[in-house]
């Protein structure tokens, strides 16, 4: 009879950590990386995730590079690669 009380209490105590572990595993398998970001839904049960999503999406859109910036970066990298190939002995 005591186990009828203990088992549900243990399940309730383990529910939140098990859900967090499950979400981390799901994120890793789908290619997302939210460890240390505090942006995942798992942190909401600890009181950290309230308004994070709104400010996060605005920040990512504002920080997105333009096509011209990406082309300039590609040209810069091409120059660095060409210099490295000239300097590397074969």
PDB file of N, CA and C in Angstrom:
ATOM      1  N   UNK A   1       0.817  -1.197   0.000  1.00  0.00           N
ATOM      2  CA  UNK A   1       0.000   0.000   0.000  1.00  0.00           C
ATOM      3  C   UNK A   1       0.862   1.264   0.000  1.00  0.00           C
ATOM      4  N   UNK A   2       2.026   1.180   0.674  1.00  0.00           N
ATOM      5  CA  UNK A   2       2.898   2.355   0.701  1.00  0.00           C
ATOM      6  C   UNK A   2       3.419   2.680  -0.700  1.00  0.00           C
ATOM      7  N   UNK A   3       3.647   1.638  -1.506  1.00  0.00           N
ATOM      8  CA  UNK A   3       4.142   1.871  -2.853  1.00  0.00           C
ATOM      9  C   UNK A   3       3.124   2.581  -3.724  1.00  0.00           C
ATOM     10  N   UNK A   4       1.854   2.443  -3.381  1.00  0.00           N
ATOM     11  CA  UNK A   4       0.805   3.131  -4.139  1.00  0.00           C
ATOM     12  C   UNK A   4       0.902   4.641  -3.962  1.00  0.00           C
ATOM     13  N   UNK A   5       1.522   5.090  -2.891  1.00  0.00           N
ATOM     14  CA  UNK A   5       1.713   6.523  -2.651  1.00  0.00           C
ATOM     15  C   UNK A   5       3.085   6.967  -3.152  1.00  0.00           C
ATOM     16  N   UNK A   6       4.098   6.142  -2.929  1.00  0.00           N
ATOM     17  CA  UNK A   6       5.480   6.510  -3.249  1.00  0.00           C
ATOM     18  C   UNK A   6       5.697   6.603  -4.761  1.00  0.00           C
ATOM     19  N   UNK A   7       5.172   5.672  -5.523  1.00  0.00           N
ATOM     20  CA  UNK A   7       5.414   5.653  -6.975  1.00  0.00           C
ATOM     21  C   UNK A   7       4.871   6.912  -7.661  1.00  0.00           C
ATOM     22  N   UNK A   8       3.624   7.348  -7.407  1.00  0.00           N
ATOM     23  CA  UNK A   8       3.167   8.595  -8.049  1.00  0.00           C
ATOM     24  C   UNK A   8       3.964   9.823  -7.614  1.00  0.00           C
ATOM     25  N   UNK A   9       4.401   9.870  -6.357  1.00  0.00           N
ATOM     26  CA  UNK A   9       5.205  11.007  -5.891  1.00  0.00           C
ATOM     27  C   UNK A   9       6.548  11.026  -6.614  1.00  0.00           C
ATOM     28  N   UNK A  10       7.183   9.872  -6.763  1.00  0.00           N
ATOM     29  CA  UNK A  10       8.450   9.812  -7.488  1.00  0.00           C
ATOM     30  C   UNK A  10       8.273  10.196  -8.951  1.00  0.00           C
ATOM     31  N   UNK A  11       7.196   9.757  -9.561  1.00  0.00           N
ATOM     32  CA  UNK A  11       6.942  10.128 -10.954  1.00  0.00           C
ATOM     33  C   UNK A  11       6.753  11.632 -11.102  1.00  0.00           C
ATOM     34  N   UNK A  12       6.054  12.251 -10.155  1.00  0.00           N
ATOM     35  CA  UNK A  12       5.877  13.703 -10.221  1.00  0.00           C
ATOM     36  C   UNK A  12       7.193  14.440 -10.014  1.00  0.00           C
ATOM     37  N   UNK A  13       8.041  13.950  -9.124  1.00  0.00           N
ATOM     38  CA  UNK A  13       9.333  14.596  -8.886  1.00  0.00           C
ATOM     39  C   UNK A  13      10.272  14.448 -10.085  1.00  0.00           C
ATOM     40  N   UNK A  14      10.154  13.360 -10.818  1.00  0.00           N
ATOM     41  CA  UNK A  14      11.023  13.121 -11.968  1.00  0.00           C
ATOM     42  C   UNK A  14      10.447  13.642 -13.275  1.00  0.00           C
ATOM     43  N   UNK A  15       9.212  14.093 -13.285  1.00  0.00           N
ATOM     44  CA  UNK A  15       8.563  14.487 -14.527  1.00  0.00           C
ATOM     45  C   UNK A  15       9.257  15.653 -15.221  1.00  0.00           C
ATOM     46  N   UNK A  16       9.544  16.731 -14.506  1.00  0.00           N
ATOM     47  CA  UNK A  16      10.164  17.902 -15.138  1.00  0.00           C
ATOM     48  C   UNK A  16      11.577  17.596 -15.655  1.00  0.00           C
ATOM     49  N   UNK A  17      12.453  16.979 -14.845  1.00  0.00           N
ATOM     50  CA  UNK A  17      13.781  16.656 -15.390  1.00  0.00           C
ATOM     51  C   UNK A  17      13.729  15.688 -16.564  1.00  0.00           C
ATOM     52  N   UNK A  18      12.829  14.717 -16.516  1.00  0.00           N
ATOM     53  CA  UNK A  18      12.717  13.783 -17.632  1.00  0.00           C
ATOM     54  C   UNK A  18      12.239  14.486 -18.889  1.00  0.00           C
ATOM     55  N   UNK A  19      11.313  15.429 -18.750  1.00  0.00           N
ATOM     56  CA  UNK A  19      10.847  16.185 -19.913  1.00  0.00           C
ATOM     57  C   UNK A  19      11.977  17.042 -20.476  1.00  0.00           C
ATOM     58  N   UNK A  20      12.778  17.651 -19.606  1.00  0.00           N
ATOM     59  CA  UNK A  20      13.887  18.475 -20.078  1.00  0.00           C
ATOM     60  C   UNK A  20      14.914  17.626 -20.817  1.00  0.00           C
ATOM     61  N   UNK A  21      15.212  16.445 -20.283  1.00  0.00           N
ATOM     62  CA  UNK A  21      16.163  15.558 -20.949  1.00  0.00           C
ATOM     63  C   UNK A  21      15.606  15.126 -22.302  1.00  0.00           C
ATOM     64  N   UNK A  22      14.315  14.821 -22.344  1.00  0.00           N
ATOM     65  CA  UNK A  22      13.693  14.442 -23.603  1.00  0.00           C
ATOM     66  C   UNK A  22      13.751  15.547 -24.633  1.00  0.00           C
ATOM     67  N   UNK A  23      13.548  16.798 -24.206  1.00  0.00           N
ATOM     68  CA  UNK A  23      13.605  17.914 -25.151  1.00  0.00           C
ATOM     69  C   UNK A  23      15.030  18.143 -25.643  1.00  0.00           C
ATOM     70  N   UNK A  24      16.010  17.956 -24.767  1.00  0.00           N
ATOM     71  CA  UNK A  24      17.406  18.113 -25.179  1.00  0.00           C
ATOM     72  C   UNK A  24      17.764  17.051 -26.211  1.00  0.00           C
ATOM     73  N   UNK A  25      17.344  15.810 -25.955  1.00  0.00           N
ATOM     74  CA  UNK A  25      17.622  14.726 -26.902  1.00  0.00           C
ATOM     75  C   UNK A  25      16.936  15.000 -28.233  1.00  0.00           C
ATOM     76  N   UNK A  26      15.675  15.462 -28.192  1.00  0.00           N
ATOM     77  CA  UNK A  26      14.951  15.763 -29.426  1.00  0.00           C
ATOM     78  C   UNK A  26      15.648  16.885 -30.198  1.00  0.00           C
ATOM     79  N   UNK A  27      16.098  17.930 -29.491  1.00  0.00           N
ATOM     80  CA  UNK A  27      16.783  19.031 -30.149  1.00  0.00           C
ATOM     81  C   UNK A  27      18.092  18.577 -30.779  1.00  0.00           C
ATOM     82  N   UNK A  28      18.841  17.731 -30.080  1.00  0.00           N
ATOM     83  CA  UNK A  28      20.105  17.232 -30.621  1.00  0.00           C
ATOM     84  C   UNK A  28      19.867  16.386 -31.864  1.00  0.00           C
ATOM     85  N   UNK A  29      18.812  15.572 -31.842  1.00  0.00           N
ATOM     86  CA  UNK A  29      18.541  14.703 -32.980  1.00  0.00           C
ATOM     87  C   UNK A  29      18.036  15.502 -34.182  1.00  0.00           C
ATOM     88  N   UNK A  30      17.360  16.621 -33.929  1.00  0.00           N
ATOM     89  CA  UNK A  30      16.853  17.424 -35.043  1.00  0.00           C
ATOM     90  C   UNK A  30      17.862  18.455 -35.513  1.00  0.00           C
ATOM     91  N   UNK A  31      18.999  18.568 -34.831  1.00  0.00           N
ATOM     92  CA  UNK A  31      20.055  19.460 -35.280  1.00  0.00           C
ATOM     93  C   UNK A  31      20.074  20.804 -34.584  1.00  0.00           C
ATOM     94  N   UNK A  32      19.143  21.053 -33.677  1.00  0.00           N
ATOM     95  CA  UNK A  32      19.150  22.329 -32.957  1.00  0.00           C
ATOM     96  C   UNK A  32      20.134  22.266 -31.814  1.00  0.00           C
ATOM     97  N   UNK A  33      20.632  23.430 -31.441  1.00  0.00           N
ATOM     98  CA  UNK A  33      21.523  23.500 -30.283  1.00  0.00           C
ATOM     99  C   UNK A  33      21.023  24.596 -29.358  1.00  0.00           C
ATOM    100  N   UNK A  34      20.405  24.198 -28.275  1.00  0.00           N
ATOM    101  CA  UNK A  34      19.872  25.187 -27.347  1.00  0.00           C
ATOM    102  C   UNK A  34      20.534  25.099 -25.985  1.00  0.00           C
ATOM    103  N   UNK A  35      21.587  24.317 -25.861  1.00  0.00           N
ATOM    104  CA  UNK A  35      22.255  24.188 -24.579  1.00  0.00           C
ATOM    105  C   UNK A  35      22.980  25.490 -24.266  1.00  0.00           C
ATOM    106  N   UNK A  36      22.729  26.045 -23.113  1.00  0.00           N
ATOM    107  CA  UNK A  36      23.351  27.288 -22.701  1.00  0.00           C
ATOM    108  C   UNK A  36      22.692  28.523 -23.263  1.00  0.00           C
ATOM    109  N   UNK A  37      21.679  28.355 -24.076  1.00  0.00           N
ATOM    110  CA  UNK A  37      21.018  29.488 -24.710  1.00  0.00           C
ATOM    111  C   UNK A  37      19.894  30.042 -23.858  1.00  0.00           C
ATOM    112  N   UNK A  38      19.335  29.241 -23.010  1.00  0.00           N
ATOM    113  CA  UNK A  38      18.185  29.610 -22.175  1.00  0.00           C
ATOM    114  C   UNK A  38      16.984  29.990 -23.019  1.00  0.00           C
ATOM    115  N   UNK A  39      16.982  29.620 -24.272  1.00  0.00           N
ATOM    116  CA  UNK A  39      15.871  29.956 -25.136  1.00  0.00           C
ATOM    117  C   UNK A  39      14.896  28.809 -25.329  1.00  0.00           C
ATOM    118  N   UNK A  40      15.237  27.642 -24.821  1.00  0.00           N
ATOM    119  CA  UNK A  40      14.357  26.497 -25.000  1.00  0.00           C
ATOM    120  C   UNK A  40      13.185  26.545 -24.048  1.00  0.00           C
ATOM    121  N   UNK A  41      12.157  25.790 -24.366  1.00  0.00           N
ATOM    122  CA  UNK A  41      10.978  25.770 -23.513  1.00  0.00           C
ATOM    123  C   UNK A  41      11.259  25.082 -22.197  1.00  0.00           C
ATOM    124  N   UNK A  42      12.296  24.270 -22.116  1.00  0.00           N
ATOM    125  CA  UNK A  42      12.617  23.566 -20.884  1.00  0.00           C
ATOM    126  C   UNK A  42      12.976  24.500 -19.752  1.00  0.00           C
ATOM    127  N   UNK A  43      13.491  25.670 -20.071  1.00  0.00           N
ATOM    128  CA  UNK A  43      13.866  26.613 -19.023  1.00  0.00           C
ATOM    129  C   UNK A  43      12.658  27.370 -18.474  1.00  0.00           C
ATOM    130  N   UNK A  44      11.526  27.287 -19.138  1.00  0.00           N
ATOM    131  CA  UNK A  44      10.363  28.039 -18.697  1.00  0.00           C
ATOM    132  C   UNK A  44       9.842  27.533 -17.361  1.00  0.00           C
ATOM    133  N   UNK A  45       9.993  26.238 -17.081  1.00  0.00           N
ATOM    134  CA  UNK A  45       9.504  25.718 -15.815  1.00  0.00           C
ATOM    135  C   UNK A  45      10.349  26.219 -14.657  1.00  0.00           C
ATOM    136  N   UNK A  46      11.533  26.762 -14.943  1.00  0.00           N
ATOM    137  CA  UNK A  46      12.382  27.303 -13.907  1.00  0.00           C
ATOM    138  C   UNK A  46      12.266  28.825 -13.823  1.00  0.00           C
ATOM    139  N   UNK A  47      11.382  29.408 -14.614  1.00  0.00           N
ATOM    140  CA  UNK A  47      11.152  30.838 -14.523  1.00  0.00           C
ATOM    141  C   UNK A  47      12.090  31.684 -15.342  1.00  0.00           C
ATOM    142  N   UNK A  48      12.751  31.108 -16.317  1.00  0.00           N
ATOM    143  CA  UNK A  48      13.728  31.868 -17.102  1.00  0.00           C
ATOM    144  C   UNK A  48      13.258  32.227 -18.493  1.00  0.00           C
ATOM    145  N   UNK A  49      12.187  31.637 -18.980  1.00  0.00           N
ATOM    146  CA  UNK A  49      11.897  31.748 -20.397  1.00  0.00           C
ATOM    147  C   UNK A  49      10.758  32.668 -20.776  1.00  0.00           C
ATOM    148  N   UNK A  50      10.308  33.529 -19.919  1.00  0.00           N
ATOM    149  CA  UNK A  50       9.114  34.331 -20.139  1.00  0.00           C
ATOM    150  C   UNK A  50       9.050  35.068 -21.449  1.00  0.00           C
ATOM    151  N   UNK A  51       9.761  36.158 -21.627  1.00  0.00           N
ATOM    152  CA  UNK A  51       9.656  36.972 -22.829  1.00  0.00           C
ATOM    153  C   UNK A  51      10.807  36.785 -23.779  1.00  0.00           C
ATOM    154  N   UNK A  52      11.497  35.705 -23.698  1.00  0.00           N
ATOM    155  CA  UNK A  52      12.711  35.484 -24.480  1.00  0.00           C
ATOM    156  C   UNK A  52      12.414  35.341 -25.961  1.00  0.00           C
ATOM    157  N   UNK A  53      11.304  34.724 -26.306  1.00  0.00           N
ATOM    158  CA  UNK A  53      11.062  34.397 -27.711  1.00  0.00           C
ATOM    159  C   UNK A  53      10.826  35.635 -28.566  1.00  0.00           C
ATOM    160  N   UNK A  54      10.148  36.631 -28.050  1.00  0.00           N
ATOM    161  CA  UNK A  54       9.873  37.825 -28.845  1.00  0.00           C
ATOM    162  C   UNK A  54      11.150  38.596 -29.131  1.00  0.00           C
ATOM    163  N   UNK A  55      11.955  38.836 -28.107  1.00  0.00           N
ATOM    164  CA  UNK A  55      13.191  39.592 -28.316  1.00  0.00           C
ATOM    165  C   UNK A  55      14.199  38.778 -29.113  1.00  0.00           C
ATOM    166  N   UNK A  56      14.164  37.460 -28.972  1.00  0.00           N
ATOM    167  CA  UNK A  56      15.102  36.606 -29.683  1.00  0.00           C
ATOM    168  C   UNK A  56      14.858  36.656 -31.188  1.00  0.00           C
ATOM    169  N   UNK A  57      13.591  36.600 -31.616  1.00  0.00           N
ATOM    170  CA  UNK A  57      13.311  36.578 -33.045  1.00  0.00           C
ATOM    171  C   UNK A  57      13.635  37.917 -33.690  1.00  0.00           C
ATOM    172  N   UNK A  58      13.419  39.005 -32.966  1.00  0.00           N
ATOM    173  CA  UNK A  58      13.752  40.327 -33.509  1.00  0.00           C
ATOM    174  C   UNK A  58      15.260  40.459 -33.650  1.00  0.00           C
ATOM    175  N   UNK A  59      16.004  39.977 -32.678  1.00  0.00           N
ATOM    176  CA  UNK A  59      17.461  40.076 -32.722  1.00  0.00           C
ATOM    177  C   UNK A  59      18.056  39.289 -33.873  1.00  0.00           C
ATOM    178  N   UNK A  60      17.500  38.126 -34.168  1.00  0.00           N
ATOM    179  CA  UNK A  60      18.032  37.315 -35.258  1.00  0.00           C
ATOM    180  C   UNK A  60      17.730  37.929 -36.609  1.00  0.00           C
ATOM    181  N   UNK A  61      16.576  38.551 -36.770  1.00  0.00           N
ATOM    182  CA  UNK A  61      16.253  39.182 -38.052  1.00  0.00           C
ATOM    183  C   UNK A  61      17.126  40.407 -38.287  1.00  0.00           C
ATOM    184  N   UNK A  62      17.391  41.177 -37.248  1.00  0.00           N
ATOM    185  CA  UNK A  62      18.203  42.376 -37.393  1.00  0.00           C
ATOM    186  C   UNK A  62      19.664  42.021 -37.653  1.00  0.00           C
ATOM    187  N   UNK A  63      20.124  40.880 -37.159  1.00  0.00           N
ATOM    188  CA  UNK A  63      21.523  40.496 -37.290  1.00  0.00           C
ATOM    189  C   UNK A  63      21.792  39.706 -38.571  1.00  0.00           C
ATOM    190  N   UNK A  64      20.768  39.406 -39.348  1.00  0.00           N
ATOM    191  CA  UNK A  64      20.963  38.625 -40.570  1.00  0.00           C
ATOM    192  C   UNK A  64      21.749  39.446 -41.596  1.00  0.00           C
ATOM    193  N   UNK A  65      22.814  38.853 -42.161  1.00  0.00           N
ATOM    194  CA  UNK A  65      23.617  39.591 -43.141  1.00  0.00           C
ATOM    195  C   UNK A  65      22.880  39.737 -44.474  1.00  0.00           C
ATOM    196  N   UNK A  66      23.189  40.796 -45.167  1.00  0.00           N
ATOM    197  CA  UNK A  66      22.573  41.025 -46.476  1.00  0.00           C
ATOM    198  C   UNK A  66      23.352  40.253 -47.544  1.00  0.00           C
ATOM    199  N   UNK A  67      22.814  40.213 -48.747  1.00  0.00           N
ATOM    200  CA  UNK A  67      23.449  39.494 -49.846  1.00  0.00           C
ATOM    201  C   UNK A  67      24.784  40.149 -50.196  1.00  0.00           C
ATOM    202  N   UNK A  68      24.823  41.477 -50.185  1.00  0.00           N
ATOM    203  CA  UNK A  68      26.079  42.172 -50.498  1.00  0.00           C
ATOM    204  C   UNK A  68      27.160  41.861 -49.470  1.00  0.00           C
ATOM    205  N   UNK A  69      26.771  41.813 -48.193  1.00  0.00           N
ATOM    206  CA  UNK A  69      27.746  41.480 -47.154  1.00  0.00           C
ATOM    207  C   UNK A  69      28.257  40.062 -47.318  1.00  0.00           C
ATOM    208  N   UNK A  70      27.365  39.133 -47.681  1.00  0.00           N
ATOM    209  CA  UNK A  70      27.788  37.745 -47.886  1.00  0.00           C
ATOM    210  C   UNK A  70      28.719  37.610 -49.083  1.00  0.00           C
ATOM    211  N   UNK A  71      28.444  38.345 -50.168  1.00  0.00           N
ATOM    212  CA  UNK A  71      29.329  38.308 -51.337  1.00  0.00           C
ATOM    213  C   UNK A  71      30.700  38.878 -50.989  1.00  0.00           C
ATOM    214  N   UNK A  72      30.738  39.965 -50.236  1.00  0.00           N
ATOM    215  CA  UNK A  72      32.010  40.553 -49.825  1.00  0.00           C
ATOM    216  C   UNK A  72      32.786  39.580 -48.944  1.00  0.00           C
ATOM    217  N   UNK A  73      32.099  38.883 -48.062  1.00  0.00           N
ATOM    218  CA  UNK A  73      32.761  37.900 -47.196  1.00  0.00           C
ATOM    219  C   UNK A  73      33.309  36.739 -48.023  1.00  0.00           C
ATOM    220  N   UNK A  74      32.543  36.290 -49.021  1.00  0.00           N
ATOM    221  CA  UNK A  74      33.004  35.203 -49.886  1.00  0.00           C
ATOM    222  C   UNK A  74      34.252  35.632 -50.656  1.00  0.00           C
ATOM    223  N   UNK A  75      34.271  36.867 -51.175  1.00  0.00           N
ATOM    224  CA  UNK A  75      35.447  37.370 -51.891  1.00  0.00           C
ATOM    225  C   UNK A  75      36.663  37.435 -50.974  1.00  0.00           C
ATOM    226  N   UNK A  76      36.440  37.902 -49.751  1.00  0.00           N
ATOM    227  CA  UNK A  76      37.544  37.992 -48.787  1.00  0.00           C
ATOM    228  C   UNK A  76      38.104  36.613 -48.484  1.00  0.00           C
ATOM    229  N   UNK A  77      37.214  35.629 -48.299  1.00  0.00           N
ATOM    230  CA  UNK A  77      37.673  34.270 -48.030  1.00  0.00           C
ATOM    231  C   UNK A  77      38.389  33.669 -49.229  1.00  0.00           C
ATOM    232  N   UNK A  78      37.926  33.964 -50.432  1.00  0.00           N
ATOM    233  CA  UNK A  78      38.608  33.476 -51.636  1.00  0.00           C
ATOM    234  C   UNK A  78      40.035  34.016 -51.714  1.00  0.00           C
ATOM    235  N   UNK A  79      40.220  35.288 -51.358  1.00  0.00           N
ATOM    236  CA  UNK A  79      41.560  35.878 -51.358  1.00  0.00           C
ATOM    237  C   UNK A  79      42.449  35.205 -50.325  1.00  0.00           C
ATOM    238  N   UNK A  80      41.906  34.932 -49.149  1.00  0.00           N
ATOM    239  CA  UNK A  80      42.689  34.277 -48.096  1.00  0.00           C
ATOM    240  C   UNK A  80      43.080  32.874 -48.534  1.00  0.00           C
ATOM    241  N   UNK A  81      42.162  32.154 -49.161  1.00  0.00           N
ATOM    242  CA  UNK A  81      42.454  30.794 -49.628  1.00  0.00           C
ATOM    243  C   UNK A  81      43.520  30.824 -50.719  1.00  0.00           C
ATOM    244  N   UNK A  82      43.423  31.784 -51.620  1.00  0.00           N
ATOM    245  CA  UNK A  82      44.418  31.883 -52.708  1.00  0.00           C
ATOM    246  C   UNK A  82      45.799  32.177 -52.139  1.00  0.00           C
ATOM    247  N   UNK A  83      45.893  33.082 -51.159  1.00  0.00           N
ATOM    248  CA  UNK A  83      47.197  33.361 -50.529  1.00  0.00           C
ATOM    249  C   UNK A  83      47.736  32.150 -49.815  1.00  0.00           C
ATOM    250  N   UNK A  84      46.869  31.392 -49.138  1.00  0.00           N
ATOM    251  CA  UNK A  84      47.321  30.197 -48.415  1.00  0.00           C
ATOM    252  C   UNK A  84      47.809  29.130 -49.384  1.00  0.00           C
ATOM    253  N   UNK A  85      47.156  28.999 -50.537  1.00  0.00           N
ATOM    254  CA  UNK A  85      47.590  28.006 -51.515  1.00  0.00           C
ATOM    255  C   UNK A  85      48.916  28.381 -52.128  1.00  0.00           C
ATOM    256  N   UNK A  86      49.179  29.675 -52.318  1.00  0.00           N
ATOM    257  CA  UNK A  86      50.472  30.109 -52.868  1.00  0.00           C
ATOM    258  C   UNK A  86      51.582  29.865 -51.868  1.00  0.00           C
ATOM    259  N   UNK A  87      51.307  30.092 -50.591  1.00  0.00           N
ATOM    260  CA  UNK A  87      52.326  29.969 -49.548  1.00  0.00           C
ATOM    261  C   UNK A  87      52.591  28.514 -49.157  1.00  0.00           C
ATOM    262  N   UNK A  88      51.637  27.636 -49.384  1.00  0.00           N
ATOM    263  CA  UNK A  88      51.796  26.245 -48.963  1.00  0.00           C
ATOM    264  C   UNK A  88      52.691  25.497 -49.947  1.00  0.00           C
ATOM    265  N   UNK A  89      53.777  24.906 -49.431  1.00  0.00           N
ATOM    266  CA  UNK A  89      54.649  24.098 -50.319  1.00  0.00           C
ATOM    267  C   UNK A  89      53.984  22.769 -50.640  1.00  0.00           C
ATOM    268  N   UNK A  90      54.184  22.309 -51.852  1.00  0.00           N
ATOM    269  CA  UNK A  90      53.582  21.027 -52.255  1.00  0.00           C
ATOM    270  C   UNK A  90      54.613  19.980 -52.405  1.00  0.00           C
TER     271      UNK A  90
END
